[in-house]
N, C-alpha and C. Protein backbone atom coordinates (compact mmCIF):
# COMPACT_ATOMS: atom_id res chain seq x y z
N UNK A 1 -12.36 45.96 6.59
CA UNK A 1 -12.32 44.35 7.36
C UNK A 1 -13.12 44.85 9.05
N UNK A 2 -12.69 45.99 9.59
CA UNK A 2 -13.82 46.20 10.37
C UNK A 2 -15.59 45.98 10.86
N UNK A 3 -16.01 46.38 9.67
CA UNK A 3 -17.29 45.88 10.01
C UNK A 3 -17.59 44.89 9.27
N UNK A 4 -16.41 44.51 8.38
CA UNK A 4 -17.20 42.86 8.06
C UNK A 4 -17.65 41.59 9.38
N UNK A 5 -16.32 41.99 10.66
CA UNK A 5 -16.20 41.80 11.84
C UNK A 5 -17.28 42.00 12.62
N UNK A 6 -17.55 43.41 12.10
CA UNK A 6 -18.56 43.87 13.53
C UNK A 6 -19.98 43.04 12.42
N UNK A 7 -20.36 42.98 11.04
CA UNK A 7 -21.46 42.36 10.91
C UNK A 7 -22.01 40.84 10.84
N UNK A 8 -20.55 39.55 11.29
CA UNK A 8 -20.05 38.97 11.60
C UNK A 8 -21.13 38.51 13.11
N UNK A 9 -20.51 39.36 13.91
CA UNK A 9 -20.65 39.27 15.36
C UNK A 9 -21.94 39.12 15.45
N UNK A 10 -23.12 40.10 14.45
CA UNK A 10 -24.12 40.83 15.12
C UNK A 10 -25.01 39.10 13.88
N UNK A 11 -24.67 37.99 13.31
CA UNK A 11 -24.91 37.94 12.92
C UNK A 11 -25.03 36.60 13.79
N UNK A 12 -23.90 36.78 14.43
CA UNK A 12 -23.46 35.40 15.78
C UNK A 12 -25.13 36.15 16.89
N UNK A 13 -24.52 36.65 17.11
CA UNK A 13 -25.11 37.42 18.00
C UNK A 13 -27.00 36.93 17.64
N UNK A 14 -27.56 37.05 16.86
CA UNK A 14 -29.39 37.14 16.17
C UNK A 14 -29.34 35.12 16.08
N UNK A 15 -28.13 34.74 16.13
CA UNK A 15 -28.28 32.95 15.74
C UNK A 15 -28.31 33.26 17.24
N UNK A 16 -27.71 32.75 18.01
CA UNK A 16 -27.25 32.80 19.73
C UNK A 16 -29.39 33.10 20.27
N UNK A 17 -29.59 34.17 19.42
CA UNK A 17 -31.32 34.87 20.07
C UNK A 17 -32.31 33.75 20.08
N UNK A 18 -32.08 33.71 18.36
CA UNK A 18 -33.08 32.28 17.60
C UNK A 18 -32.94 31.18 18.64
N UNK A 19 -31.59 30.87 18.39
CA UNK A 19 -31.49 29.39 20.16
C UNK A 19 -31.95 29.75 21.04
N UNK A 20 -31.14 30.43 21.38
CA UNK A 20 -32.02 30.26 23.19
C UNK A 20 -33.30 30.61 23.13
N UNK A 21 -34.42 31.77 21.94
CA UNK A 21 -35.36 31.73 21.64
C UNK A 21 -36.82 30.07 21.63
N UNK A 22 -35.82 29.28 20.86
CA UNK A 22 -36.04 27.89 20.63
C UNK A 22 -36.24 27.36 21.37
N UNK A 23 -35.57 27.62 22.21
CA UNK A 23 -35.17 26.56 23.25
C UNK A 23 -36.18 26.66 24.58
N UNK A 24 -36.78 28.16 25.24
CA UNK A 24 -37.53 28.24 25.69
C UNK A 24 -38.73 27.90 25.75
N UNK A 25 -38.69 28.71 25.19
CA UNK A 25 -39.87 28.80 24.15
C UNK A 25 -41.48 27.45 24.61
N UNK A 26 -41.22 26.67 24.08
CA UNK A 26 -42.11 25.36 24.35
C UNK A 26 -40.97 24.47 24.45
N UNK A 27 -41.22 24.07 26.09
CA UNK A 27 -40.43 22.67 26.85
C UNK A 27 -40.45 21.80 26.75
N UNK A 28 -42.35 21.85 26.00
CA UNK A 28 -42.76 20.35 24.91
C UNK A 28 -42.69 20.05 24.29
N UNK A 29 -41.85 20.86 23.63
CA UNK A 29 -40.96 20.63 22.47
C UNK A 29 -40.50 19.44 21.80
N UNK A 30 -41.45 18.08 20.93
CA UNK A 30 -40.56 17.24 20.86
C UNK A 30 -39.91 16.92 19.96
N UNK A 31 -39.10 16.18 19.12
CA UNK A 31 -38.32 16.24 17.68
C UNK A 31 -39.09 14.90 17.51
N UNK A 32 -40.30 14.78 16.76
CA UNK A 32 -40.43 13.38 16.00
C UNK A 32 -40.28 13.21 14.09
N UNK A 33 -39.73 11.90 13.55
CA UNK A 33 -40.04 12.54 12.51
C UNK A 33 -40.17 11.80 11.78
N UNK A 34 -41.14 12.47 10.06
CA UNK A 34 -42.27 11.02 9.76
C UNK A 34 -41.60 10.87 8.31
N UNK A 35 -42.31 8.75 8.87
CA UNK A 35 -42.13 7.86 7.88
C UNK A 35 -42.76 8.20 6.81
N UNK A 36 -41.89 8.37 5.58
CA UNK A 36 -42.25 8.15 4.04
C UNK A 36 -42.40 7.66 3.52
N UNK A 37 -43.17 6.09 4.18
CA UNK A 37 -43.60 5.16 3.59
C UNK A 37 -45.39 5.01 4.02
N UNK A 38 -46.10 3.55 3.81
CA UNK A 38 -47.30 3.78 4.81
C UNK A 38 -47.54 4.14 5.46
N UNK A 39 -46.47 4.03 6.57
CA UNK A 39 -46.83 4.41 7.78
C UNK A 39 -46.99 5.31 8.36
N UNK A 40 -47.07 6.75 7.43
CA UNK A 40 -46.79 8.13 7.20
C UNK A 40 -47.89 9.42 7.92
N UNK A 41 -48.59 8.59 7.72
CA UNK A 41 -50.16 8.99 8.54
C UNK A 41 -50.27 8.82 10.05
N UNK A 42 -49.91 7.29 11.07
CA UNK A 42 -49.27 7.50 11.95
C UNK A 42 -48.68 8.54 12.15
N UNK A 43 -47.59 8.60 12.25
CA UNK A 43 -46.79 10.07 12.20
C UNK A 43 -45.53 9.43 13.97
N UNK A 44 -45.38 8.86 14.18
CA UNK A 44 -43.92 8.98 15.64
C UNK A 44 -42.85 8.08 15.10
N UNK A 45 -42.28 8.74 16.67
CA UNK A 45 -41.04 8.77 16.46
C UNK A 45 -40.47 7.59 16.03
N UNK A 46 -39.24 7.60 15.30
CA UNK A 46 -38.96 6.72 15.22
C UNK A 46 -37.87 6.06 16.34
N UNK A 47 -37.35 4.63 16.30
CA UNK A 47 -37.04 3.98 16.91
C UNK A 47 -35.52 3.64 16.38
N UNK A 48 -34.13 3.69 17.21
CA UNK A 48 -33.45 3.32 17.36
C UNK A 48 -32.47 2.40 18.22
N UNK A 49 -31.53 2.24 17.79
CA UNK A 49 -30.33 1.34 18.22
C UNK A 49 -28.98 1.61 17.57
N UNK A 50 -27.97 0.74 18.44
CA UNK A 50 -26.47 1.04 17.56
C UNK A 50 -25.86 0.97 17.73
N UNK A 51 -24.49 0.43 17.45
CA UNK A 51 -24.43 -1.55 18.31
C UNK A 51 -22.61 -0.26 18.00
N UNK A 52 -21.16 -0.51 18.86
CA UNK A 52 -20.27 0.48 19.44
C UNK A 52 -19.20 -0.70 18.23
N UNK A 53 -18.82 0.28 17.66
CA UNK A 53 -17.94 -0.31 16.50
C UNK A 53 -16.64 -1.29 17.76
N UNK A 54 -15.87 -0.78 18.43
CA UNK A 54 -14.34 -0.33 19.53
C UNK A 54 -14.74 -2.24 20.08
N UNK A 55 -16.01 -2.57 19.68
CA UNK A 55 -16.51 -3.77 20.85
C UNK A 55 -16.69 -4.35 20.16
N UNK A 56 -17.46 -4.43 18.49
CA UNK A 56 -17.66 -5.33 17.30
C UNK A 56 -15.45 -5.84 16.97
N UNK A 57 -15.30 -4.93 16.94
CA UNK A 57 -14.13 -4.80 16.37
C UNK A 57 -12.52 -5.89 16.77
N UNK A 58 -13.56 -5.70 18.73
CA UNK A 58 -12.66 -6.35 20.09
C UNK A 58 -12.79 -8.16 19.97
N UNK A 59 -13.66 -7.88 19.80
CA UNK A 59 -15.17 -9.53 19.20
C UNK A 59 -15.17 -9.87 18.58
N UNK A 60 -16.15 -9.27 17.21
CA UNK A 60 -16.62 -10.50 16.16
C UNK A 60 -14.75 -10.92 15.42
N UNK A 61 -14.80 -12.72 15.63
CA UNK A 61 -13.81 -13.34 15.51
C UNK A 61 -13.88 -13.39 13.53
N UNK A 62 -14.54 -12.69 12.61
CA UNK A 62 -14.14 -13.00 11.50
C UNK A 62 -12.94 -11.42 11.20
N UNK A 63 -13.56 -10.82 11.77
CA UNK A 63 -12.82 -9.01 12.34
C UNK A 63 -10.96 -9.05 12.39
N UNK A 64 -11.05 -10.41 13.51
CA UNK A 64 -9.55 -10.41 14.26
C UNK A 64 -9.17 -11.24 13.08
N UNK A 65 -9.59 -12.29 12.44
CA UNK A 65 -9.47 -12.66 12.24
C UNK A 65 -8.74 -12.05 10.43
N UNK A 66 -9.36 -11.69 9.73
CA UNK A 66 -9.06 -10.55 8.34
C UNK A 66 -7.62 -9.62 8.97
N UNK A 67 -7.96 -8.88 9.87
CA UNK A 67 -7.66 -7.86 11.05
C UNK A 67 -5.76 -9.00 11.11
N UNK A 68 -5.54 -10.05 11.35
CA UNK A 68 -4.35 -10.30 12.10
C UNK A 68 -3.63 -10.98 9.93
N UNK A 69 -4.42 -10.79 9.65
CA UNK A 69 -3.60 -11.61 7.62
C UNK A 69 -3.70 -10.03 7.41
N UNK A 70 -3.71 -8.58 7.80
CA UNK A 70 -3.27 -7.85 7.14
C UNK A 70 -2.17 -7.06 7.58
N UNK A 71 -2.39 -7.67 8.98
CA UNK A 71 -1.06 -6.58 10.23
C UNK A 71 -0.02 -8.09 9.24
N UNK A 72 -0.39 -9.31 9.10
CA UNK A 72 0.76 -9.75 8.91
C UNK A 72 1.22 -9.00 7.53
N UNK A 73 0.43 -8.92 6.34
CA UNK A 73 0.28 -8.15 4.59
C UNK A 73 1.66 -7.16 4.97
N UNK A 74 1.11 -6.57 5.65
CA UNK A 74 1.35 -4.40 6.52
C UNK A 74 2.84 -5.08 7.57
N UNK A 75 3.18 -6.12 8.13
CA UNK A 75 4.17 -6.78 7.92
C UNK A 75 5.25 -6.69 7.21
N UNK A 76 5.11 -7.57 6.31
CA UNK A 76 6.36 -8.24 5.78
C UNK A 76 6.10 -7.27 4.46
N UNK A 77 5.10 -6.34 3.83
CA UNK A 77 5.61 -5.27 2.89
C UNK A 77 6.95 -4.06 3.15
N UNK A 78 7.04 -4.18 4.54
CA UNK A 78 7.70 -2.84 5.29
C UNK A 78 9.18 -3.82 5.41
N UNK A 79 8.84 -5.11 5.70
CA UNK A 79 10.09 -5.66 6.10
C UNK A 79 10.69 -5.74 5.13
N UNK A 80 10.46 -5.88 3.43
CA UNK A 80 10.20 -5.99 1.90
C UNK A 80 10.95 -4.44 1.62
N UNK A 81 10.28 -3.55 1.89
CA UNK A 81 11.10 -2.13 1.85
C UNK A 81 12.64 -2.46 2.59
N UNK A 82 12.02 -2.04 3.51
CA UNK A 82 13.74 -2.13 4.46
C UNK A 82 14.73 -3.11 4.36
N UNK A 83 13.86 -4.63 3.53
CA UNK A 83 16.17 -4.90 3.07
C UNK A 83 16.27 -4.35 2.19
N UNK A 84 14.21 -3.78 1.10
CA UNK A 84 15.17 -3.53 0.12
C UNK A 84 16.13 -1.46 0.04
N UNK A 85 15.99 -0.72 1.00
CA UNK A 85 16.28 -0.05 1.23
C UNK A 85 17.74 0.12 2.02
N UNK A 86 17.70 -1.22 2.77
CA UNK A 86 19.33 -1.58 3.19
C UNK A 86 20.17 -2.11 2.55
N UNK A 87 19.67 -2.03 0.68
CA UNK A 87 20.47 -2.43 -0.88
C UNK A 87 21.12 -1.62 -1.30
N UNK A 88 19.67 -1.05 -1.28
CA UNK A 88 20.02 0.37 -1.62
C UNK A 88 21.19 1.00 -1.25
N UNK A 89 21.05 0.96 -0.17
CA UNK A 89 22.22 2.64 0.69
C UNK A 89 22.97 1.46 0.47
N UNK A 90 23.32 0.01 0.99
CA UNK A 90 24.94 -0.62 1.42
C UNK A 90 25.16 -0.35 -0.70
N UNK A 91 24.60 -0.33 -1.34
CA UNK A 91 25.33 -0.16 -2.41
C UNK A 91 25.90 1.02 -3.42
N UNK A 92 24.99 2.17 -2.67
CA UNK A 92 25.76 3.68 -2.81
C UNK A 92 26.69 3.38 -1.30
N UNK A 93 26.66 3.33 -0.41
CA UNK A 93 28.06 3.28 -0.49
C UNK A 93 28.49 2.53 -0.32
N UNK A 94 28.96 1.30 -0.65
CA UNK A 94 30.49 0.57 -1.96
C UNK A 94 30.25 1.20 -3.11
N UNK A 95 29.16 1.93 -4.02
CA UNK A 95 30.47 3.12 -5.42
C UNK A 95 30.41 4.18 -5.01
N UNK A 96 29.68 4.70 -3.78
CA UNK A 96 30.50 6.16 -3.02
C UNK A 96 32.17 5.65 -2.52
N UNK A 97 32.78 4.31 -2.06
CA UNK A 97 34.17 4.90 -1.60
C UNK A 97 34.67 4.55 -2.72
N UNK A 98 34.30 3.86 -3.43
CA UNK A 98 35.22 4.02 -4.90
C UNK A 98 35.07 4.95 -5.10
N UNK A 99 34.31 5.94 -5.72
CA UNK A 99 33.99 7.02 -6.34
C UNK A 99 35.23 7.62 -6.74
N UNK A 100 36.32 8.01 -5.72
CA UNK A 100 37.51 9.12 -5.95
C UNK A 100 38.45 7.39 -7.28
N UNK A 101 38.70 6.67 -7.11
CA UNK A 101 39.22 6.10 -8.05
C UNK A 101 39.00 5.27 -9.49
N UNK A 102 37.71 5.86 -9.40
CA UNK A 102 37.00 5.77 -10.63
C UNK A 102 36.87 5.96 -11.87
N UNK A 103 37.12 5.88 -13.23
CA UNK A 103 36.95 6.10 -14.59
C UNK A 103 35.86 7.27 -14.43
N UNK A 104 35.34 8.16 -15.27
CA UNK A 104 34.76 9.52 -15.65
C UNK A 104 33.29 8.08 -15.87
N UNK A 105 34.18 7.62 -17.38
CA UNK A 105 32.68 6.30 -17.15
C UNK A 105 31.74 6.12 -16.30
N UNK A 106 32.62 5.76 -15.52
CA UNK A 106 32.52 3.99 -14.44
C UNK A 106 31.17 5.08 -12.44
N UNK A 107 31.72 6.42 -13.35
CA UNK A 107 31.31 7.46 -12.23
C UNK A 107 29.96 7.49 -13.25
N UNK A 108 30.00 7.75 -13.34
CA UNK A 108 28.56 8.41 -14.36
C UNK A 108 27.64 6.64 -14.82
N UNK A 109 28.00 5.84 -14.86
CA UNK A 109 27.82 4.59 -14.85
C UNK A 109 26.90 3.92 -12.79
N UNK A 110 27.76 4.28 -12.67
CA UNK A 110 27.47 4.00 -11.20
C UNK A 110 26.25 4.77 -10.67
N UNK A 111 26.43 6.00 -11.22
CA UNK A 111 25.04 7.31 -10.61
C UNK A 111 23.67 7.04 -11.36
N UNK A 112 24.16 6.24 -12.44
CA UNK A 112 22.50 5.51 -13.48
C UNK A 112 22.78 4.30 -13.00
N UNK A 113 23.35 3.40 -12.01
CA UNK A 113 22.77 1.99 -10.70
C UNK A 113 21.93 2.57 -9.82
N UNK A 114 22.82 3.70 -8.39
CA UNK A 114 22.25 4.07 -7.96
C UNK A 114 20.88 4.45 -8.19
N UNK A 115 20.18 6.24 -9.27
CA UNK A 115 19.39 6.15 -9.55
C UNK A 115 18.42 4.78 -10.70
N UNK A 116 18.48 4.39 -10.72
CA UNK A 116 17.51 3.53 -11.30
C UNK A 116 17.40 2.41 -9.85
N UNK A 117 18.36 1.74 -9.00
CA UNK A 117 18.27 1.59 -8.26
C UNK A 117 16.86 2.07 -6.65
N UNK A 118 16.65 3.50 -6.86
CA UNK A 118 16.74 4.51 -6.07
C UNK A 118 14.93 4.44 -6.57
N UNK A 119 14.90 4.25 -7.79
CA UNK A 119 13.22 4.72 -8.56
C UNK A 119 13.07 2.79 -8.59
N UNK A 120 13.31 2.39 -8.55
CA UNK A 120 12.86 0.93 -8.36
C UNK A 120 12.33 0.71 -6.67
N UNK A 121 12.72 0.55 -5.95
CA UNK A 121 12.69 1.03 -4.54
C UNK A 121 11.49 1.71 -4.70
N UNK A 122 11.41 3.22 -4.83
CA UNK A 122 10.57 4.18 -5.17
C UNK A 122 8.71 3.00 -5.69
N UNK A 123 9.68 2.56 -6.71
CA UNK A 123 8.06 1.97 -7.74
C UNK A 123 7.91 0.67 -6.69
N UNK A 124 8.44 -0.06 -5.88
CA UNK A 124 8.32 -1.03 -5.16
C UNK A 124 7.78 -0.35 -4.44
N UNK A 125 8.14 0.03 -3.50
CA UNK A 125 7.00 0.48 -2.22
C UNK A 125 5.93 1.39 -2.44
N UNK A 126 6.13 2.02 -3.29
CA UNK A 126 3.75 1.93 -4.76
C UNK A 126 3.21 1.26 -4.58
N UNK A 127 3.23 0.28 -5.55
CA UNK A 127 2.90 -0.75 -5.58
C UNK A 127 2.87 -1.16 -4.07
N UNK A 128 3.40 -1.31 -3.46
CA UNK A 128 3.31 -2.51 -1.95
C UNK A 128 2.54 -2.00 -1.07
N UNK A 129 2.61 -0.23 -0.94
CA UNK A 129 1.04 0.14 -1.23
C UNK A 129 0.14 0.19 -1.14
N UNK A 130 -0.17 0.42 -2.70
CA UNK A 130 -1.05 -0.12 -3.01
C UNK A 130 -2.23 -0.55 -3.39
N UNK A 131 -1.26 -2.53 -2.49
CA UNK A 131 -2.22 -3.80 -2.33
C UNK A 131 -2.58 -3.26 -1.19
N UNK A 132 -1.30 -2.54 0.28
CA UNK A 132 -2.15 -3.12 1.46
C UNK A 132 -3.78 -2.10 1.33
N UNK A 133 -3.81 -0.74 0.63
CA UNK A 133 -4.53 0.46 0.79
C UNK A 133 -6.25 -0.86 -0.97
N UNK A 134 -5.86 -1.57 -1.43
CA UNK A 134 -6.72 -1.48 -1.62
C UNK A 134 -7.15 -3.52 -0.73
N UNK A 135 -6.62 -4.10 -0.53
CA UNK A 135 -7.06 -4.95 0.00
C UNK A 135 -7.16 -4.44 2.02
N UNK A 136 -6.66 -3.19 2.33
CA UNK A 136 -7.98 -3.06 3.21
C UNK A 136 -9.04 -2.16 2.71
N UNK A 137 -9.51 -1.65 1.35
CA UNK A 137 -10.31 -0.87 1.18
C UNK A 137 -11.57 -2.49 1.08
N UNK A 138 -10.81 -3.37 1.19
CA UNK A 138 -12.37 -4.58 0.26
C UNK A 138 -11.72 -5.27 1.24
N UNK A 139 -11.97 -5.11 2.70
CA UNK A 139 -11.95 -5.75 4.10
C UNK A 139 -12.98 -5.36 4.55
N UNK A 140 -12.48 -3.89 4.71
CA UNK A 140 -13.52 -2.57 5.72
C UNK A 140 -14.92 -2.93 4.49
N UNK A 141 -14.81 -3.44 3.02
CA UNK A 141 -15.73 -3.08 2.61
C UNK A 141 -16.12 -4.60 3.02
N UNK A 142 -16.30 -5.60 2.45
CA UNK A 142 -16.62 -6.87 3.56
C UNK A 142 -17.10 -7.30 4.42
N UNK A 143 -16.14 -6.57 5.91
CA UNK A 143 -17.12 -6.34 7.19
C UNK A 143 -17.85 -5.85 7.34
N UNK A 144 -18.45 -4.62 5.98
CA UNK A 144 -19.94 -3.93 6.53
C UNK A 144 -20.51 -4.58 5.90
N UNK A 145 -21.11 -5.09 4.70
CA UNK A 145 -21.51 -5.14 4.24
C UNK A 145 -21.93 -7.16 4.48
N UNK A 146 -21.21 -7.24 6.00
CA UNK A 146 -22.06 -8.41 6.38
C UNK A 146 -22.92 -7.91 7.87
N UNK A 147 -21.85 -6.96 8.65
CA UNK A 147 -23.25 -5.98 9.01
C UNK A 147 -23.96 -5.80 8.93
N UNK A 148 -24.26 -5.89 7.85
CA UNK A 148 -25.62 -4.49 6.52
C UNK A 148 -26.27 -5.67 6.61
N UNK A 149 -26.14 -6.89 5.55
CA UNK A 149 -27.03 -8.23 5.75
C UNK A 149 -27.29 -8.57 7.25
N UNK A 150 -25.97 -9.00 7.96
CA UNK A 150 -27.14 -9.17 9.73
C UNK A 150 -28.33 -8.49 9.81
N UNK A 151 -27.91 -6.92 10.35
CA UNK A 151 -29.10 -6.51 10.56
C UNK A 151 -30.32 -6.02 9.83
N UNK A 152 -30.28 -6.89 8.88
CA UNK A 152 -31.44 -6.52 8.22
C UNK A 152 -32.50 -7.86 8.33
N UNK A 153 -31.38 -8.78 8.66
CA UNK A 153 -32.24 -9.85 9.07
C UNK A 153 -31.68 -9.55 10.46
N UNK A 154 -31.21 -8.96 11.31
CA UNK A 154 -31.66 -8.95 12.97
C UNK A 154 -33.12 -7.60 13.30
N UNK A 155 -33.42 -7.00 12.13
CA UNK A 155 -35.15 -6.02 11.94
C UNK A 155 -35.79 -6.75 11.26
N UNK A 156 -35.74 -7.65 11.00
CA UNK A 156 -36.55 -8.20 9.31
C UNK A 156 -37.92 -7.87 10.40
N UNK A 157 -38.01 -7.63 11.46
CA UNK A 157 -39.34 -7.61 12.33
C UNK A 157 -40.05 -6.09 12.35
N UNK A 158 -38.88 -5.35 11.82
CA UNK A 158 -39.05 -4.10 11.88
C UNK A 158 -38.57 -2.79 12.72
N UNK A 159 -38.32 -3.65 14.09
CA UNK A 159 -38.52 -3.37 15.85
C UNK A 159 -37.87 -1.34 15.14
N UNK A 160 -36.57 -1.79 14.96
CA UNK A 160 -35.57 -0.42 14.74
C UNK A 160 -36.11 0.57 13.32
N UNK A 161 -35.74 1.40 13.56
CA UNK A 161 -36.25 1.72 12.29
C UNK A 161 -34.66 2.53 11.65
N UNK A 162 -33.99 3.17 12.54
CA UNK A 162 -32.61 3.47 12.33
C UNK A 162 -31.48 2.54 13.16
N UNK A 163 -30.17 2.15 12.88
CA UNK A 163 -29.69 0.94 13.69
C UNK A 163 -28.85 2.27 12.99
N UNK A 164 -27.84 3.22 14.54
CA UNK A 164 -26.09 4.08 13.63
C UNK A 164 -25.05 2.93 14.32
N UNK A 165 -24.58 3.27 13.80
CA UNK A 165 -22.51 2.88 14.36
C UNK A 165 -22.34 3.66 15.64
N UNK A 166 -21.39 2.83 16.91
CA UNK A 166 -20.72 4.41 17.48
C UNK A 166 -19.85 4.22 17.70
N UNK A 167 -19.10 5.62 17.65
CA UNK A 167 -16.93 5.97 17.49
C UNK A 167 -16.94 6.68 18.82
N UNK A 168 -16.09 6.64 19.03
CA UNK A 168 -16.85 8.29 20.70
C UNK A 168 -15.47 9.26 19.92
N UNK A 169 -16.51 9.87 20.34
CA UNK A 169 -16.48 11.28 19.39
C UNK A 169 -17.39 11.42 18.95
N UNK A 170 -18.69 10.82 18.40
CA UNK A 170 -18.84 11.53 17.63
C UNK A 170 -20.31 11.29 17.87
N UNK A 171 -20.75 10.40 18.63
CA UNK A 171 -22.22 10.72 19.56
C UNK A 171 -22.02 11.29 20.81
N UNK A 172 -22.74 12.59 21.94
CA UNK A 172 -22.73 12.51 22.81
C UNK A 172 -22.74 12.59 24.33
N UNK A 173 -23.57 12.02 23.53
CA UNK A 173 -25.35 11.70 24.81
C UNK A 173 -25.21 10.18 23.69
N UNK A 174 -25.80 8.61 24.27
CA UNK A 174 -26.28 7.13 24.33
C UNK A 174 -27.50 6.62 25.43
N UNK A 175 -27.91 6.60 24.85
CA UNK A 175 -28.37 5.65 26.08
C UNK A 175 -28.03 3.52 25.79
N UNK A 176 -27.81 3.73 26.76
CA UNK A 176 -27.74 2.18 26.80
C UNK A 176 -28.25 0.91 26.58
N UNK A 177 -29.82 1.57 26.96
CA UNK A 177 -30.63 0.84 26.94
C UNK A 177 -31.15 0.17 25.26
N UNK A 178 -30.57 0.81 24.13
CA UNK A 178 -30.60 1.38 22.88
C UNK A 178 -29.52 0.00 22.68
N UNK A 179 -28.49 -0.30 23.31
CA UNK A 179 -27.09 -0.89 22.69
C UNK A 179 -27.43 -2.03 22.08
N UNK A 180 -27.22 -2.37 20.79
CA UNK A 180 -27.88 -3.83 20.54
C UNK A 180 -26.54 -4.26 20.21
N UNK A 181 -24.89 -4.47 20.27
CA UNK A 181 -23.36 -4.54 20.10
C UNK A 181 -23.45 -6.14 20.81
N UNK A 182 -24.35 -6.30 21.12
CA UNK A 182 -23.61 -7.98 22.26
C UNK A 182 -24.34 -8.97 20.89
N UNK A 183 -26.15 -8.71 21.08
CA UNK A 183 -26.84 -8.92 20.22
C UNK A 183 -25.40 -9.28 18.64
N UNK A 184 -25.29 -7.78 17.98
CA UNK A 184 -24.94 -8.27 16.86
C UNK A 184 -23.93 -8.67 16.36
N UNK A 185 -22.68 -9.08 17.70
CA UNK A 185 -21.42 -9.94 18.20
C UNK A 185 -21.99 -11.03 18.31
N UNK A 186 -23.43 -11.49 18.16
CA UNK A 186 -23.34 -12.83 18.63
C UNK A 186 -23.51 -13.26 17.66
N UNK A 187 -24.68 -12.24 16.87
CA UNK A 187 -25.37 -12.94 15.99
C UNK A 187 -24.09 -12.91 14.98
N UNK A 188 -23.16 -12.02 14.39
CA UNK A 188 -22.18 -11.96 13.41
C UNK A 188 -21.12 -13.05 13.78
N UNK A 189 -20.69 -13.87 14.90
CA UNK A 189 -20.27 -15.07 14.91
C UNK A 189 -19.92 -16.51 14.80
N UNK A 190 -22.12 -16.22 15.43
CA UNK A 190 -22.47 -17.13 14.95
C UNK A 190 -22.78 -17.78 13.34
N UNK A 191 -22.77 -16.34 12.78
CA UNK A 191 -22.54 -16.70 11.32
C UNK A 191 -21.30 -17.01 10.62
N UNK A 192 -20.46 -16.78 11.36
CA UNK A 192 -19.13 -16.61 10.47
C UNK A 192 -18.65 -18.06 11.38
N UNK A 193 -18.81 -18.67 12.29
CA UNK A 193 -18.81 -20.42 12.57
C UNK A 193 -18.86 -21.41 11.83
N UNK A 194 -20.49 -21.19 11.16
CA UNK A 194 -21.16 -21.86 10.59
C UNK A 194 -20.55 -22.28 9.21
N UNK A 195 -20.84 -20.41 8.70
CA UNK A 195 -20.46 -21.09 7.07
C UNK A 195 -18.44 -21.45 7.65
N UNK A 196 -17.58 -20.97 8.16
CA UNK A 196 -16.45 -21.54 8.31
C UNK A 196 -16.26 -23.56 8.57
N UNK A 197 -17.44 -23.89 9.29
CA UNK A 197 -17.00 -25.45 9.46
C UNK A 197 -17.38 -26.32 7.37
C-alpha cells in the first residue's frame, strides 16, 4: 500500500513538472483549432460566442409560459398525492380504532383494504411522477430545438464557429464581448410572438 502511494505521488510530480514546462517553455504558444471542412487550409482560430442560460430562462417568454404550465401540473400532482395520503391515513386510523372490536375475518379484510390503498397510492404517485418527468423532458427538448433552430438562422453568415451555453460554475472565465444572449432572447421572443398571433 505504501509503494502504491509512492508511485501515485511520483506520477503526479511528473505531471506537474510537465505542465510547468509547457506553461513556461513558450509564452507565444497559442491554441488554435483546425477546421475539417473546405477552409482547413486557412488554419485559423475559431470564433466563439456564448449565451447565458439563466438570462434566457428569465427573459424568454415561451420558456416562462411552459415553465408556468409545468409548475401548475406539478402543484396539481402534489395536491392529488397529498389528498390520497390523507384519505389513506384517515381510513387506516378508522380501521385501527375499530381493530379491537373486529372479528378475525374483519381484521383480515381491513388489512387487505389498507394494503390495497397503500399500493394504489404508490402506483398513482409513480404514474404522476412519470407524467411530470415526460412533460419536463419534452419541454426541455422543445426549448432546445427552438434555440438550435434560431441559432442556425442567426449564424447563417458563419460569423461564429461555436456557440456555447453558459451556466454558472461551468466556465471559469468569459469575455462579455462574446455574449450574444440579448440577441438570442430578442430573436426568440420575436419568433414566439409572431407564431402566437
